[in-house]
């Protein structure tokens, strides 16, 4: 006898109803949909070391609490909020002396100064031109990639998370707002500052060959 195919649940309401009813196929479906981005969120907040454990804890919490989901947001946003909360709780337990609420934290050497930027954060003049044909060519260089990774690790946590979710994972501003519990304006500032800091690293690398 041929087994029945796993349902895809194109309608979110059907998927949520199946989850609440305890349908294990529905749970497998949300794992398929969301596991990768959950790992990205966990890595952005706590790093690679704890990411797998955080996501596993989040799945346990999701399975336990799906019956309490009030559908005030999308299922994806609810899932991302849970993994974000798990990651921030782990961060606190690891005694990291940082706070996701400190949104105005600066990175040493930041471009955010009056000489280069207007009060609204935009460039006073055109940005410097890279000597390579495209930024993608620069990113292919291993040494530069190491510099960028190091810089990401030094960013204030909220900047790093916002940048990775927006520019790496292509998440919407609305979803990032839900995860970080900040306004859309603050998310845009966080992403903008992270991009500027990374641009500084690329510019310095082009000029000196070092971070």
N, C-alpha and C. Protein backbone atom coordinates (compact mmCIF):
# COMPACT_ATOMS: atom_id res chain seq x y z
N UNK A 1 0.85 -1.20 0.00
CA UNK A 1 0.00 0.00 0.00
C UNK A 1 0.88 1.25 0.00
N UNK A 2 0.61 2.18 -0.89
CA UNK A 2 1.41 3.40 -1.00
C UNK A 2 1.06 4.35 0.13
N UNK A 3 2.06 4.84 0.88
CA UNK A 3 1.76 5.76 1.99
C UNK A 3 1.24 7.09 1.49
N UNK A 4 0.40 7.72 2.29
CA UNK A 4 -0.15 9.02 1.92
C UNK A 4 0.96 10.06 1.96
N UNK A 5 0.96 11.00 0.99
CA UNK A 5 1.99 12.03 0.99
C UNK A 5 1.82 12.98 2.17
N UNK A 6 2.94 13.54 2.63
CA UNK A 6 2.89 14.50 3.73
C UNK A 6 2.21 15.77 3.25
N UNK A 7 1.18 16.26 3.96
CA UNK A 7 0.48 17.47 3.53
C UNK A 7 1.39 18.69 3.61
N UNK A 8 1.18 19.64 2.70
CA UNK A 8 1.99 20.84 2.67
C UNK A 8 1.35 21.99 3.43
N UNK A 9 0.08 21.90 3.74
CA UNK A 9 -0.64 22.93 4.48
C UNK A 9 -0.44 24.32 3.87
N UNK A 10 -0.91 24.54 2.64
CA UNK A 10 -0.73 25.86 2.03
C UNK A 10 -1.48 26.96 2.78
N UNK A 11 -2.55 26.58 3.50
CA UNK A 11 -3.31 27.54 4.27
C UNK A 11 -2.82 27.53 5.72
N UNK A 12 -2.37 28.68 6.23
CA UNK A 12 -1.80 28.74 7.58
C UNK A 12 -2.81 28.35 8.65
N UNK A 13 -4.07 28.72 8.46
CA UNK A 13 -5.08 28.37 9.44
C UNK A 13 -5.23 26.86 9.58
N UNK A 14 -5.15 26.16 8.46
CA UNK A 14 -5.21 24.70 8.50
C UNK A 14 -4.01 24.13 9.22
N UNK A 15 -2.85 24.71 8.96
CA UNK A 15 -1.63 24.24 9.62
C UNK A 15 -1.71 24.46 11.13
N UNK A 16 -2.17 25.63 11.54
CA UNK A 16 -2.27 25.93 12.96
C UNK A 16 -3.27 24.99 13.63
N UNK A 17 -4.41 24.76 12.97
CA UNK A 17 -5.42 23.85 13.53
C UNK A 17 -4.84 22.45 13.69
N UNK A 18 -4.06 22.01 12.70
CA UNK A 18 -3.46 20.68 12.77
C UNK A 18 -2.43 20.60 13.90
N UNK A 19 -1.67 21.67 14.09
CA UNK A 19 -0.69 21.71 15.18
C UNK A 19 -1.38 21.63 16.54
N UNK A 20 -2.42 22.42 16.70
CA UNK A 20 -3.15 22.42 17.97
C UNK A 20 -3.77 21.06 18.25
N UNK A 21 -4.18 20.37 17.16
CA UNK A 21 -4.78 19.04 17.31
C UNK A 21 -3.74 17.96 17.59
N UNK A 22 -2.46 18.34 17.56
CA UNK A 22 -1.40 17.37 17.86
C UNK A 22 -0.94 16.57 16.66
N UNK A 23 -1.17 17.06 15.47
CA UNK A 23 -0.78 16.37 14.24
C UNK A 23 0.75 16.44 14.09
N UNK A 24 1.42 15.31 14.20
CA UNK A 24 2.88 15.29 14.13
C UNK A 24 3.39 15.65 12.73
N UNK A 25 2.60 15.35 11.68
CA UNK A 25 3.01 15.75 10.34
C UNK A 25 3.04 17.27 10.22
N UNK A 26 2.10 17.93 10.88
CA UNK A 26 2.09 19.39 10.87
C UNK A 26 3.32 19.94 11.59
N UNK A 27 3.71 19.29 12.67
CA UNK A 27 4.90 19.73 13.39
C UNK A 27 6.15 19.54 12.53
N UNK A 28 6.21 18.44 11.81
CA UNK A 28 7.34 18.22 10.88
C UNK A 28 7.36 19.29 9.81
N UNK A 29 6.18 19.75 9.41
CA UNK A 29 6.09 20.78 8.38
C UNK A 29 6.67 22.10 8.87
N UNK A 30 6.37 22.50 10.11
CA UNK A 30 6.93 23.78 10.57
C UNK A 30 8.43 23.66 10.84
N UNK A 31 8.89 22.46 11.20
CA UNK A 31 10.34 22.26 11.31
C UNK A 31 11.00 22.48 9.95
N UNK A 32 10.39 21.92 8.92
CA UNK A 32 10.92 22.08 7.57
C UNK A 32 10.95 23.55 7.16
N UNK A 33 9.92 24.29 7.52
CA UNK A 33 9.81 25.68 7.11
C UNK A 33 10.73 26.62 7.89
N UNK A 34 10.86 26.39 9.20
CA UNK A 34 11.44 27.41 10.05
C UNK A 34 12.78 27.06 10.71
N UNK A 35 13.22 25.80 10.62
CA UNK A 35 14.40 25.41 11.38
C UNK A 35 15.64 26.22 10.98
N UNK A 36 15.83 26.44 9.70
CA UNK A 36 17.03 27.15 9.23
C UNK A 36 17.08 28.57 9.78
N UNK A 37 15.98 29.30 9.65
CA UNK A 37 15.98 30.68 10.12
C UNK A 37 16.08 30.74 11.64
N UNK A 38 15.53 29.74 12.34
CA UNK A 38 15.67 29.70 13.79
C UNK A 38 17.15 29.56 14.19
N UNK A 39 17.88 28.72 13.48
CA UNK A 39 19.31 28.59 13.74
C UNK A 39 20.03 29.91 13.50
N UNK A 40 19.64 30.63 12.46
CA UNK A 40 20.28 31.91 12.16
C UNK A 40 20.04 32.91 13.27
N UNK A 41 18.81 32.95 13.79
CA UNK A 41 18.49 33.86 14.88
C UNK A 41 19.32 33.50 16.12
N UNK A 42 19.37 32.21 16.45
CA UNK A 42 20.13 31.76 17.62
C UNK A 42 21.61 32.09 17.47
N UNK A 43 22.17 31.88 16.28
CA UNK A 43 23.58 32.19 16.06
C UNK A 43 23.84 33.69 16.20
N UNK A 44 22.92 34.49 15.67
CA UNK A 44 23.10 35.94 15.72
C UNK A 44 23.14 36.45 17.16
N UNK A 45 22.35 35.83 18.04
CA UNK A 45 22.27 36.30 19.41
C UNK A 45 23.36 35.69 20.29
N UNK A 46 23.59 34.39 20.16
CA UNK A 46 24.48 33.69 21.10
C UNK A 46 25.72 33.07 20.46
N UNK A 47 25.79 33.06 19.15
CA UNK A 47 26.93 32.44 18.50
C UNK A 47 26.70 30.97 18.18
N UNK A 48 27.65 30.40 17.46
CA UNK A 48 27.53 29.04 16.95
C UNK A 48 27.47 28.00 18.06
N UNK A 49 28.19 28.23 19.15
CA UNK A 49 28.33 27.21 20.19
C UNK A 49 27.00 26.75 20.76
N UNK A 50 26.10 27.70 21.01
CA UNK A 50 24.86 27.37 21.70
C UNK A 50 23.65 27.28 20.77
N UNK A 51 23.84 27.53 19.48
CA UNK A 51 22.70 27.66 18.57
C UNK A 51 21.83 26.41 18.51
N UNK A 52 22.45 25.25 18.38
CA UNK A 52 21.67 24.01 18.27
C UNK A 52 20.85 23.75 19.53
N UNK A 53 21.47 23.95 20.70
CA UNK A 53 20.75 23.73 21.95
C UNK A 53 19.57 24.70 22.09
N UNK A 54 19.80 25.95 21.71
CA UNK A 54 18.74 26.96 21.80
C UNK A 54 17.55 26.58 20.93
N UNK A 55 17.84 26.14 19.70
CA UNK A 55 16.75 25.79 18.79
C UNK A 55 16.01 24.56 19.29
N UNK A 56 16.72 23.59 19.83
CA UNK A 56 16.05 22.41 20.39
C UNK A 56 15.13 22.81 21.54
N UNK A 57 15.60 23.70 22.41
CA UNK A 57 14.76 24.18 23.51
C UNK A 57 13.55 24.93 22.98
N UNK A 58 13.76 25.69 21.92
CA UNK A 58 12.65 26.44 21.32
C UNK A 58 11.59 25.50 20.76
N UNK A 59 12.02 24.42 20.10
CA UNK A 59 11.05 23.47 19.56
C UNK A 59 10.24 22.81 20.66
N UNK A 60 10.88 22.52 21.77
CA UNK A 60 10.15 21.95 22.91
C UNK A 60 9.09 22.94 23.39
N UNK A 61 9.49 24.22 23.50
CA UNK A 61 8.55 25.25 23.96
C UNK A 61 7.40 25.43 22.97
N UNK A 62 7.71 25.38 21.68
CA UNK A 62 6.68 25.53 20.65
C UNK A 62 5.68 24.38 20.74
N UNK A 63 6.19 23.16 20.84
CA UNK A 63 5.32 21.99 20.92
C UNK A 63 4.44 22.06 22.17
N UNK A 64 5.01 22.55 23.26
CA UNK A 64 4.28 22.60 24.53
C UNK A 64 3.22 23.70 24.53
N UNK A 65 3.49 24.80 23.85
CA UNK A 65 2.63 25.99 23.96
C UNK A 65 1.78 26.29 22.74
N UNK A 66 1.82 25.45 21.71
CA UNK A 66 1.07 25.75 20.49
C UNK A 66 -0.42 25.91 20.79
N UNK A 67 -0.94 25.20 21.76
CA UNK A 67 -2.35 25.32 22.10
C UNK A 67 -2.71 26.70 22.66
N UNK A 68 -1.72 27.46 23.12
CA UNK A 68 -1.95 28.80 23.67
C UNK A 68 -1.74 29.90 22.63
N UNK A 69 -1.37 29.51 21.40
CA UNK A 69 -1.12 30.49 20.35
C UNK A 69 -2.42 31.21 20.00
N UNK A 70 -2.47 32.52 20.22
CA UNK A 70 -3.69 33.30 20.04
C UNK A 70 -3.82 33.89 18.64
N UNK A 71 -2.82 33.67 17.77
CA UNK A 71 -2.85 34.10 16.38
C UNK A 71 -2.95 35.62 16.23
N UNK A 72 -2.34 36.33 17.16
CA UNK A 72 -2.28 37.79 17.03
C UNK A 72 -1.18 38.20 16.06
N UNK A 73 -0.32 37.28 15.73
CA UNK A 73 0.73 37.49 14.73
C UNK A 73 0.75 36.26 13.84
N UNK A 74 1.62 36.27 12.83
CA UNK A 74 1.75 35.08 11.99
C UNK A 74 2.42 33.96 12.77
N UNK A 75 2.24 32.74 12.32
CA UNK A 75 2.89 31.60 12.97
C UNK A 75 4.41 31.76 12.95
N UNK A 76 4.94 32.23 11.83
CA UNK A 76 6.39 32.40 11.73
C UNK A 76 6.89 33.41 12.75
N UNK A 77 6.19 34.53 12.91
CA UNK A 77 6.60 35.55 13.87
C UNK A 77 6.56 34.99 15.29
N UNK A 78 5.53 34.20 15.60
CA UNK A 78 5.42 33.60 16.92
C UNK A 78 6.59 32.65 17.18
N UNK A 79 6.92 31.82 16.19
CA UNK A 79 8.04 30.89 16.31
C UNK A 79 9.35 31.65 16.48
N UNK A 80 9.56 32.71 15.68
CA UNK A 80 10.79 33.48 15.78
C UNK A 80 10.92 34.18 17.13
N UNK A 81 9.79 34.62 17.68
CA UNK A 81 9.82 35.26 18.99
C UNK A 81 10.24 34.27 20.06
N UNK A 82 9.76 33.05 19.98
CA UNK A 82 10.12 32.03 20.96
C UNK A 82 11.61 31.73 20.89
N UNK A 83 12.14 31.52 19.70
CA UNK A 83 13.57 31.20 19.61
C UNK A 83 14.41 32.40 20.03
N UNK A 84 13.94 33.61 19.72
CA UNK A 84 14.66 34.80 20.16
C UNK A 84 14.69 34.92 21.67
N UNK A 85 13.56 34.63 22.32
CA UNK A 85 13.51 34.68 23.78
C UNK A 85 14.40 33.60 24.41
N UNK A 86 14.41 32.41 23.81
CA UNK A 86 15.27 31.35 24.31
C UNK A 86 16.74 31.76 24.20
N UNK A 87 17.09 32.38 23.08
CA UNK A 87 18.48 32.79 22.87
C UNK A 87 18.89 33.90 23.84
N UNK A 88 18.00 34.85 24.05
CA UNK A 88 18.33 35.94 24.98
C UNK A 88 18.43 35.44 26.41
N UNK A 89 17.59 34.46 26.76
CA UNK A 89 17.69 33.86 28.10
C UNK A 89 19.03 33.13 28.26
N UNK A 90 19.44 32.44 27.21
CA UNK A 90 20.74 31.74 27.26
C UNK A 90 21.88 32.74 27.36
N UNK A 91 21.75 33.84 26.65
CA UNK A 91 22.77 34.88 26.70
C UNK A 91 22.92 35.41 28.12
N UNK A 92 21.80 35.62 28.80
CA UNK A 92 21.86 36.09 30.19
C UNK A 92 22.50 35.04 31.09
N UNK A 93 22.16 33.78 30.85
CA UNK A 93 22.74 32.73 31.69
C UNK A 93 24.24 32.61 31.50
N UNK A 94 24.71 32.92 30.32
CA UNK A 94 26.15 32.86 30.06
C UNK A 94 26.88 34.09 30.55
N UNK A 95 26.15 34.97 31.25
CA UNK A 95 26.76 36.13 31.91
C UNK A 95 27.46 37.08 30.94
N UNK A 96 26.90 37.18 29.74
CA UNK A 96 27.43 38.16 28.80
C UNK A 96 27.02 39.55 29.26
N UNK A 97 27.94 40.48 29.34
CA UNK A 97 27.67 41.83 29.85
C UNK A 97 27.21 42.74 28.73
N UNK A 98 26.11 42.35 28.09
CA UNK A 98 25.54 43.14 27.01
C UNK A 98 24.04 43.17 27.21
N UNK A 99 23.38 44.10 26.54
CA UNK A 99 21.94 44.21 26.64
C UNK A 99 21.35 44.52 25.27
N UNK A 100 20.35 43.75 24.87
CA UNK A 100 19.70 44.00 23.59
C UNK A 100 18.90 45.29 23.60
N UNK A 101 18.65 45.84 24.80
CA UNK A 101 17.91 47.08 24.87
C UNK A 101 18.80 48.30 24.65
N UNK A 102 20.13 48.10 24.69
CA UNK A 102 21.05 49.21 24.51
C UNK A 102 21.26 49.44 23.02
N UNK A 103 20.30 50.09 22.40
CA UNK A 103 20.28 50.19 20.95
C UNK A 103 21.25 51.23 20.42
N UNK A 104 21.75 52.11 21.28
CA UNK A 104 22.62 53.18 20.80
C UNK A 104 24.08 52.87 20.99
N UNK A 105 24.42 51.59 21.29
CA UNK A 105 25.81 51.22 21.48
C UNK A 105 26.62 51.48 20.22
N UNK A 106 27.79 52.00 20.39
CA UNK A 106 28.65 52.33 19.26
C UNK A 106 29.77 51.32 19.12
N UNK A 107 30.26 51.15 17.94
CA UNK A 107 31.40 50.31 17.68
C UNK A 107 32.63 51.19 17.47
N UNK A 108 33.76 50.88 18.11
CA UNK A 108 34.96 51.70 17.93
C UNK A 108 35.26 51.89 16.45
N UNK A 109 35.58 53.16 16.08
CA UNK A 109 35.92 53.43 14.69
C UNK A 109 34.71 53.61 13.82
N UNK A 110 33.52 53.79 14.40
CA UNK A 110 32.32 53.92 13.59
C UNK A 110 32.39 55.14 12.70
N UNK A 111 31.70 55.07 11.56
CA UNK A 111 31.61 56.19 10.63
C UNK A 111 30.59 57.23 11.08
N UNK A 112 29.85 56.99 12.15
CA UNK A 112 28.80 57.90 12.55
C UNK A 112 29.39 59.12 13.23
N UNK A 113 29.90 60.06 12.43
CA UNK A 113 30.44 61.29 12.99
C UNK A 113 30.04 62.44 12.08
N UNK A 114 30.16 63.65 12.60
CA UNK A 114 29.70 64.82 11.86
C UNK A 114 30.47 65.08 10.59
N UNK A 115 31.72 64.61 10.51
CA UNK A 115 32.53 64.87 9.32
C UNK A 115 32.03 64.09 8.12
N UNK A 116 31.50 62.90 8.36
CA UNK A 116 31.09 62.04 7.25
C UNK A 116 29.59 61.99 7.04
N UNK A 117 28.79 62.28 8.08
CA UNK A 117 27.36 62.07 7.99
C UNK A 117 26.54 63.27 8.41
N UNK A 118 25.38 63.39 7.80
CA UNK A 118 24.39 64.38 8.19
C UNK A 118 23.69 63.90 9.47
N UNK A 119 22.94 64.77 10.14
CA UNK A 119 22.24 64.34 11.36
C UNK A 119 21.28 63.18 11.16
N UNK A 120 20.76 63.03 9.93
CA UNK A 120 19.82 61.92 9.68
C UNK A 120 20.53 60.61 9.37
N UNK A 121 21.89 60.61 9.41
CA UNK A 121 22.63 59.38 9.20
C UNK A 121 23.06 59.13 7.77
N UNK A 122 22.69 59.98 6.82
CA UNK A 122 23.08 59.79 5.43
C UNK A 122 24.45 60.42 5.18
N UNK A 123 25.13 59.92 4.14
CA UNK A 123 26.46 60.43 3.79
C UNK A 123 26.38 61.90 3.39
N UNK A 124 27.40 62.71 3.81
CA UNK A 124 27.49 64.10 3.37
C UNK A 124 27.95 64.18 1.93
N UNK A 125 28.75 63.20 1.49
CA UNK A 125 29.22 63.15 0.11
C UNK A 125 29.14 61.72 -0.37
N UNK A 126 29.41 61.50 -1.64
CA UNK A 126 29.32 60.16 -2.21
C UNK A 126 30.29 59.22 -1.51
N UNK A 127 29.88 57.95 -1.36
CA UNK A 127 30.74 56.96 -0.72
C UNK A 127 31.96 56.66 -1.58
N UNK A 128 33.08 56.26 -0.96
CA UNK A 128 34.29 55.94 -1.73
C UNK A 128 34.05 54.79 -2.69
N UNK A 129 34.76 54.81 -3.81
CA UNK A 129 34.63 53.75 -4.81
C UNK A 129 35.64 52.66 -4.52
N UNK A 130 35.21 51.40 -4.60
CA UNK A 130 36.13 50.28 -4.44
C UNK A 130 36.90 50.07 -5.73
N UNK A 131 38.15 49.61 -5.59
CA UNK A 131 38.96 49.41 -6.78
C UNK A 131 38.57 48.15 -7.53
N UNK A 132 37.97 47.15 -6.83
CA UNK A 132 37.51 45.95 -7.51
C UNK A 132 36.26 46.25 -8.32
N UNK A 133 35.94 45.37 -9.23
CA UNK A 133 34.79 45.58 -10.09
C UNK A 133 33.48 45.58 -9.31
N UNK A 134 33.41 44.83 -8.20
CA UNK A 134 32.17 44.77 -7.43
C UNK A 134 32.49 44.40 -5.99
N UNK A 135 31.59 44.76 -5.04
CA UNK A 135 31.79 44.33 -3.65
C UNK A 135 31.85 42.82 -3.52
N UNK A 136 31.14 42.10 -4.39
CA UNK A 136 31.14 40.64 -4.34
C UNK A 136 32.54 40.08 -4.51
N UNK A 137 33.36 40.72 -5.35
CA UNK A 137 34.73 40.24 -5.54
C UNK A 137 35.54 40.40 -4.26
N UNK A 138 35.31 41.52 -3.57
CA UNK A 138 36.00 41.72 -2.30
C UNK A 138 35.61 40.66 -1.28
N UNK A 139 34.33 40.35 -1.23
CA UNK A 139 33.83 39.41 -0.24
C UNK A 139 34.38 38.01 -0.46
N UNK A 140 34.86 37.73 -1.68
CA UNK A 140 35.41 36.41 -1.97
C UNK A 140 36.79 36.23 -1.35
N UNK A 141 37.41 37.32 -0.96
CA UNK A 141 38.74 37.21 -0.38
C UNK A 141 38.63 36.71 1.06
N UNK A 142 39.35 35.65 1.36
CA UNK A 142 39.22 35.03 2.68
C UNK A 142 39.62 35.97 3.81
N UNK A 143 40.67 36.73 3.60
CA UNK A 143 41.13 37.62 4.66
C UNK A 143 40.08 38.67 4.97
N UNK A 144 39.47 39.24 3.93
CA UNK A 144 38.43 40.23 4.15
C UNK A 144 37.24 39.60 4.85
N UNK A 145 36.89 38.38 4.45
CA UNK A 145 35.77 37.71 5.10
C UNK A 145 36.02 37.51 6.59
N UNK A 146 37.27 37.19 6.93
CA UNK A 146 37.62 37.06 8.35
C UNK A 146 37.45 38.40 9.07
N UNK A 147 37.84 39.49 8.41
CA UNK A 147 37.67 40.81 9.01
C UNK A 147 36.20 41.12 9.23
N UNK A 148 35.39 40.79 8.25
CA UNK A 148 33.95 41.06 8.35
C UNK A 148 33.34 40.24 9.47
N UNK A 149 33.71 38.97 9.55
CA UNK A 149 33.17 38.11 10.62
C UNK A 149 33.58 38.63 12.00
N UNK A 150 34.84 39.06 12.10
CA UNK A 150 35.32 39.61 13.37
C UNK A 150 34.55 40.86 13.74
N UNK A 151 34.29 41.72 12.75
CA UNK A 151 33.55 42.95 12.99
C UNK A 151 32.12 42.66 13.42
N UNK A 152 31.49 41.68 12.78
CA UNK A 152 30.13 41.30 13.17
C UNK A 152 30.08 40.88 14.63
N UNK A 153 31.10 40.14 15.07
CA UNK A 153 31.12 39.68 16.46
C UNK A 153 31.30 40.84 17.44
N UNK A 154 31.89 41.95 16.98
CA UNK A 154 32.13 43.09 17.85
C UNK A 154 30.98 44.09 17.85
N UNK A 155 30.05 43.92 16.93
CA UNK A 155 28.90 44.83 16.89
C UNK A 155 28.05 44.67 18.15
N UNK A 156 27.39 45.75 18.59
CA UNK A 156 26.38 45.58 19.64
C UNK A 156 25.38 44.51 19.22
N UNK A 157 24.94 43.65 20.13
CA UNK A 157 24.09 42.51 19.75
C UNK A 157 22.88 42.88 18.90
N UNK A 158 22.19 43.95 19.26
CA UNK A 158 20.98 44.31 18.50
C UNK A 158 21.32 44.67 17.06
N UNK A 159 22.46 45.37 16.86
CA UNK A 159 22.89 45.70 15.49
C UNK A 159 23.18 44.43 14.70
N UNK A 160 23.91 43.52 15.32
CA UNK A 160 24.29 42.29 14.64
C UNK A 160 23.05 41.49 14.25
N UNK A 161 22.11 41.34 15.18
CA UNK A 161 20.90 40.56 14.91
C UNK A 161 20.09 41.20 13.79
N UNK A 162 19.88 42.52 13.90
CA UNK A 162 19.08 43.22 12.89
C UNK A 162 19.72 43.10 11.51
N UNK A 163 21.05 43.28 11.44
CA UNK A 163 21.75 43.17 10.16
C UNK A 163 21.64 41.78 9.57
N UNK A 164 21.89 40.76 10.37
CA UNK A 164 21.86 39.39 9.86
C UNK A 164 20.46 38.99 9.41
N UNK A 165 19.45 39.38 10.18
CA UNK A 165 18.08 39.03 9.80
C UNK A 165 17.65 39.77 8.54
N UNK A 166 18.04 41.03 8.42
CA UNK A 166 17.60 41.82 7.27
C UNK A 166 18.43 41.53 6.02
N UNK A 167 19.75 41.60 6.13
CA UNK A 167 20.61 41.52 4.94
C UNK A 167 21.05 40.10 4.60
N UNK A 168 21.14 39.23 5.59
CA UNK A 168 21.56 37.85 5.31
C UNK A 168 20.35 36.94 5.12
N UNK A 169 19.39 37.05 6.03
CA UNK A 169 18.21 36.17 5.97
C UNK A 169 17.03 36.78 5.23
N UNK A 170 17.15 38.06 4.86
CA UNK A 170 16.11 38.74 4.07
C UNK A 170 14.74 38.75 4.77
N UNK A 171 14.75 38.93 6.08
CA UNK A 171 13.50 39.02 6.83
C UNK A 171 12.92 40.42 6.72
N UNK A 172 11.61 40.52 6.86
CA UNK A 172 10.94 41.82 6.76
C UNK A 172 11.22 42.65 8.01
N UNK A 173 11.08 43.98 7.89
CA UNK A 173 11.26 44.83 9.04
C UNK A 173 10.22 44.51 10.11
N UNK A 174 9.02 44.14 9.69
CA UNK A 174 7.97 43.82 10.66
C UNK A 174 8.35 42.62 11.52
N UNK A 175 8.93 41.60 10.90
CA UNK A 175 9.33 40.41 11.65
C UNK A 175 10.48 40.72 12.61
N UNK A 176 11.41 41.56 12.16
CA UNK A 176 12.53 41.93 13.02
C UNK A 176 12.04 42.76 14.20
N UNK A 177 11.08 43.64 13.94
CA UNK A 177 10.50 44.43 15.03
C UNK A 177 9.90 43.53 16.10
N UNK A 178 9.16 42.51 15.66
CA UNK A 178 8.53 41.59 16.60
C UNK A 178 9.59 40.85 17.43
N UNK A 179 10.65 40.44 16.77
CA UNK A 179 11.68 39.67 17.45
C UNK A 179 12.44 40.51 18.48
N UNK A 180 12.83 41.73 18.09
CA UNK A 180 13.62 42.58 18.96
C UNK A 180 12.78 43.45 19.88
N UNK A 181 11.45 43.49 19.61
CA UNK A 181 10.54 44.30 20.41
C UNK A 181 10.95 45.78 20.38
N UNK A 182 11.24 46.27 19.18
CA UNK A 182 11.57 47.68 19.00
C UNK A 182 10.79 48.19 17.79
N UNK A 183 10.80 49.50 17.60
CA UNK A 183 10.05 50.10 16.50
C UNK A 183 10.77 49.89 15.17
N UNK A 184 10.02 50.08 14.08
CA UNK A 184 10.61 49.97 12.74
C UNK A 184 11.72 50.98 12.55
N UNK A 185 11.55 52.18 13.11
CA UNK A 185 12.59 53.21 12.99
C UNK A 185 13.88 52.75 13.65
N UNK A 186 13.77 52.13 14.82
CA UNK A 186 14.97 51.64 15.50
C UNK A 186 15.64 50.51 14.73
N UNK A 187 14.84 49.63 14.13
CA UNK A 187 15.42 48.55 13.32
C UNK A 187 16.21 49.13 12.15
N UNK A 188 15.65 50.14 11.50
CA UNK A 188 16.34 50.76 10.36
C UNK A 188 17.65 51.41 10.81
N UNK A 189 17.65 52.02 11.99
CA UNK A 189 18.87 52.61 12.52
C UNK A 189 19.91 51.53 12.80
N UNK A 190 19.47 50.43 13.42
CA UNK A 190 20.39 49.34 13.74
C UNK A 190 21.03 48.77 12.48
N UNK A 191 20.22 48.50 11.46
CA UNK A 191 20.74 47.95 10.21
C UNK A 191 21.69 48.95 9.55
N UNK A 192 21.30 50.22 9.56
CA UNK A 192 22.11 51.27 8.93
C UNK A 192 23.47 51.36 9.59
N UNK A 193 23.51 51.34 10.92
CA UNK A 193 24.79 51.45 11.63
C UNK A 193 25.68 50.24 11.38
N UNK A 194 25.07 49.06 11.34
CA UNK A 194 25.86 47.85 11.07
C UNK A 194 26.46 47.91 9.67
N UNK A 195 25.66 48.35 8.70
CA UNK A 195 26.16 48.44 7.32
C UNK A 195 27.32 49.43 7.23
N UNK A 196 27.21 50.56 7.92
CA UNK A 196 28.26 51.57 7.87
C UNK A 196 29.56 51.05 8.48
N UNK A 197 29.45 50.35 9.59
CA UNK A 197 30.64 49.79 10.22
C UNK A 197 31.32 48.78 9.31
N UNK A 198 30.52 47.92 8.67
CA UNK A 198 31.09 46.94 7.75
C UNK A 198 31.70 47.62 6.53
N UNK A 199 31.09 48.71 6.07
CA UNK A 199 31.65 49.45 4.95
C UNK A 199 33.01 50.03 5.32
N UNK A 200 33.14 50.46 6.56
CA UNK A 200 34.42 50.99 7.02
C UNK A 200 35.50 49.91 6.96
N UNK A 201 35.15 48.70 7.36
CA UNK A 201 36.10 47.58 7.32
C UNK A 201 36.54 47.32 5.88
N UNK A 202 35.59 47.33 4.95
CA UNK A 202 35.92 47.07 3.55
C UNK A 202 36.81 48.18 3.00
N UNK A 203 36.48 49.44 3.32
CA UNK A 203 37.30 50.56 2.85
C UNK A 203 38.73 50.46 3.39
N UNK A 204 38.86 50.18 4.69
CA UNK A 204 40.18 50.10 5.30
C UNK A 204 40.98 48.93 4.72
N UNK A 205 40.27 47.82 4.45
CA UNK A 205 40.95 46.66 3.86
C UNK A 205 41.50 47.01 2.47
N UNK A 206 40.73 47.75 1.71
CA UNK A 206 41.17 48.11 0.36
C UNK A 206 42.41 49.00 0.42
N UNK A 207 42.43 49.90 1.44
CA UNK A 207 43.53 50.87 1.53
C UNK A 207 44.79 50.25 2.12
N UNK A 208 44.63 49.37 3.10
CA UNK A 208 45.79 48.88 3.86
C UNK A 208 46.05 47.38 3.75
N UNK A 209 45.04 46.63 3.31
CA UNK A 209 45.19 45.18 3.26
C UNK A 209 45.05 44.51 4.61
N UNK A 210 44.61 45.27 5.64
CA UNK A 210 44.41 44.73 6.98
C UNK A 210 43.04 45.15 7.49
N UNK A 211 42.64 44.53 8.59
CA UNK A 211 41.35 44.90 9.21
C UNK A 211 41.42 46.29 9.76
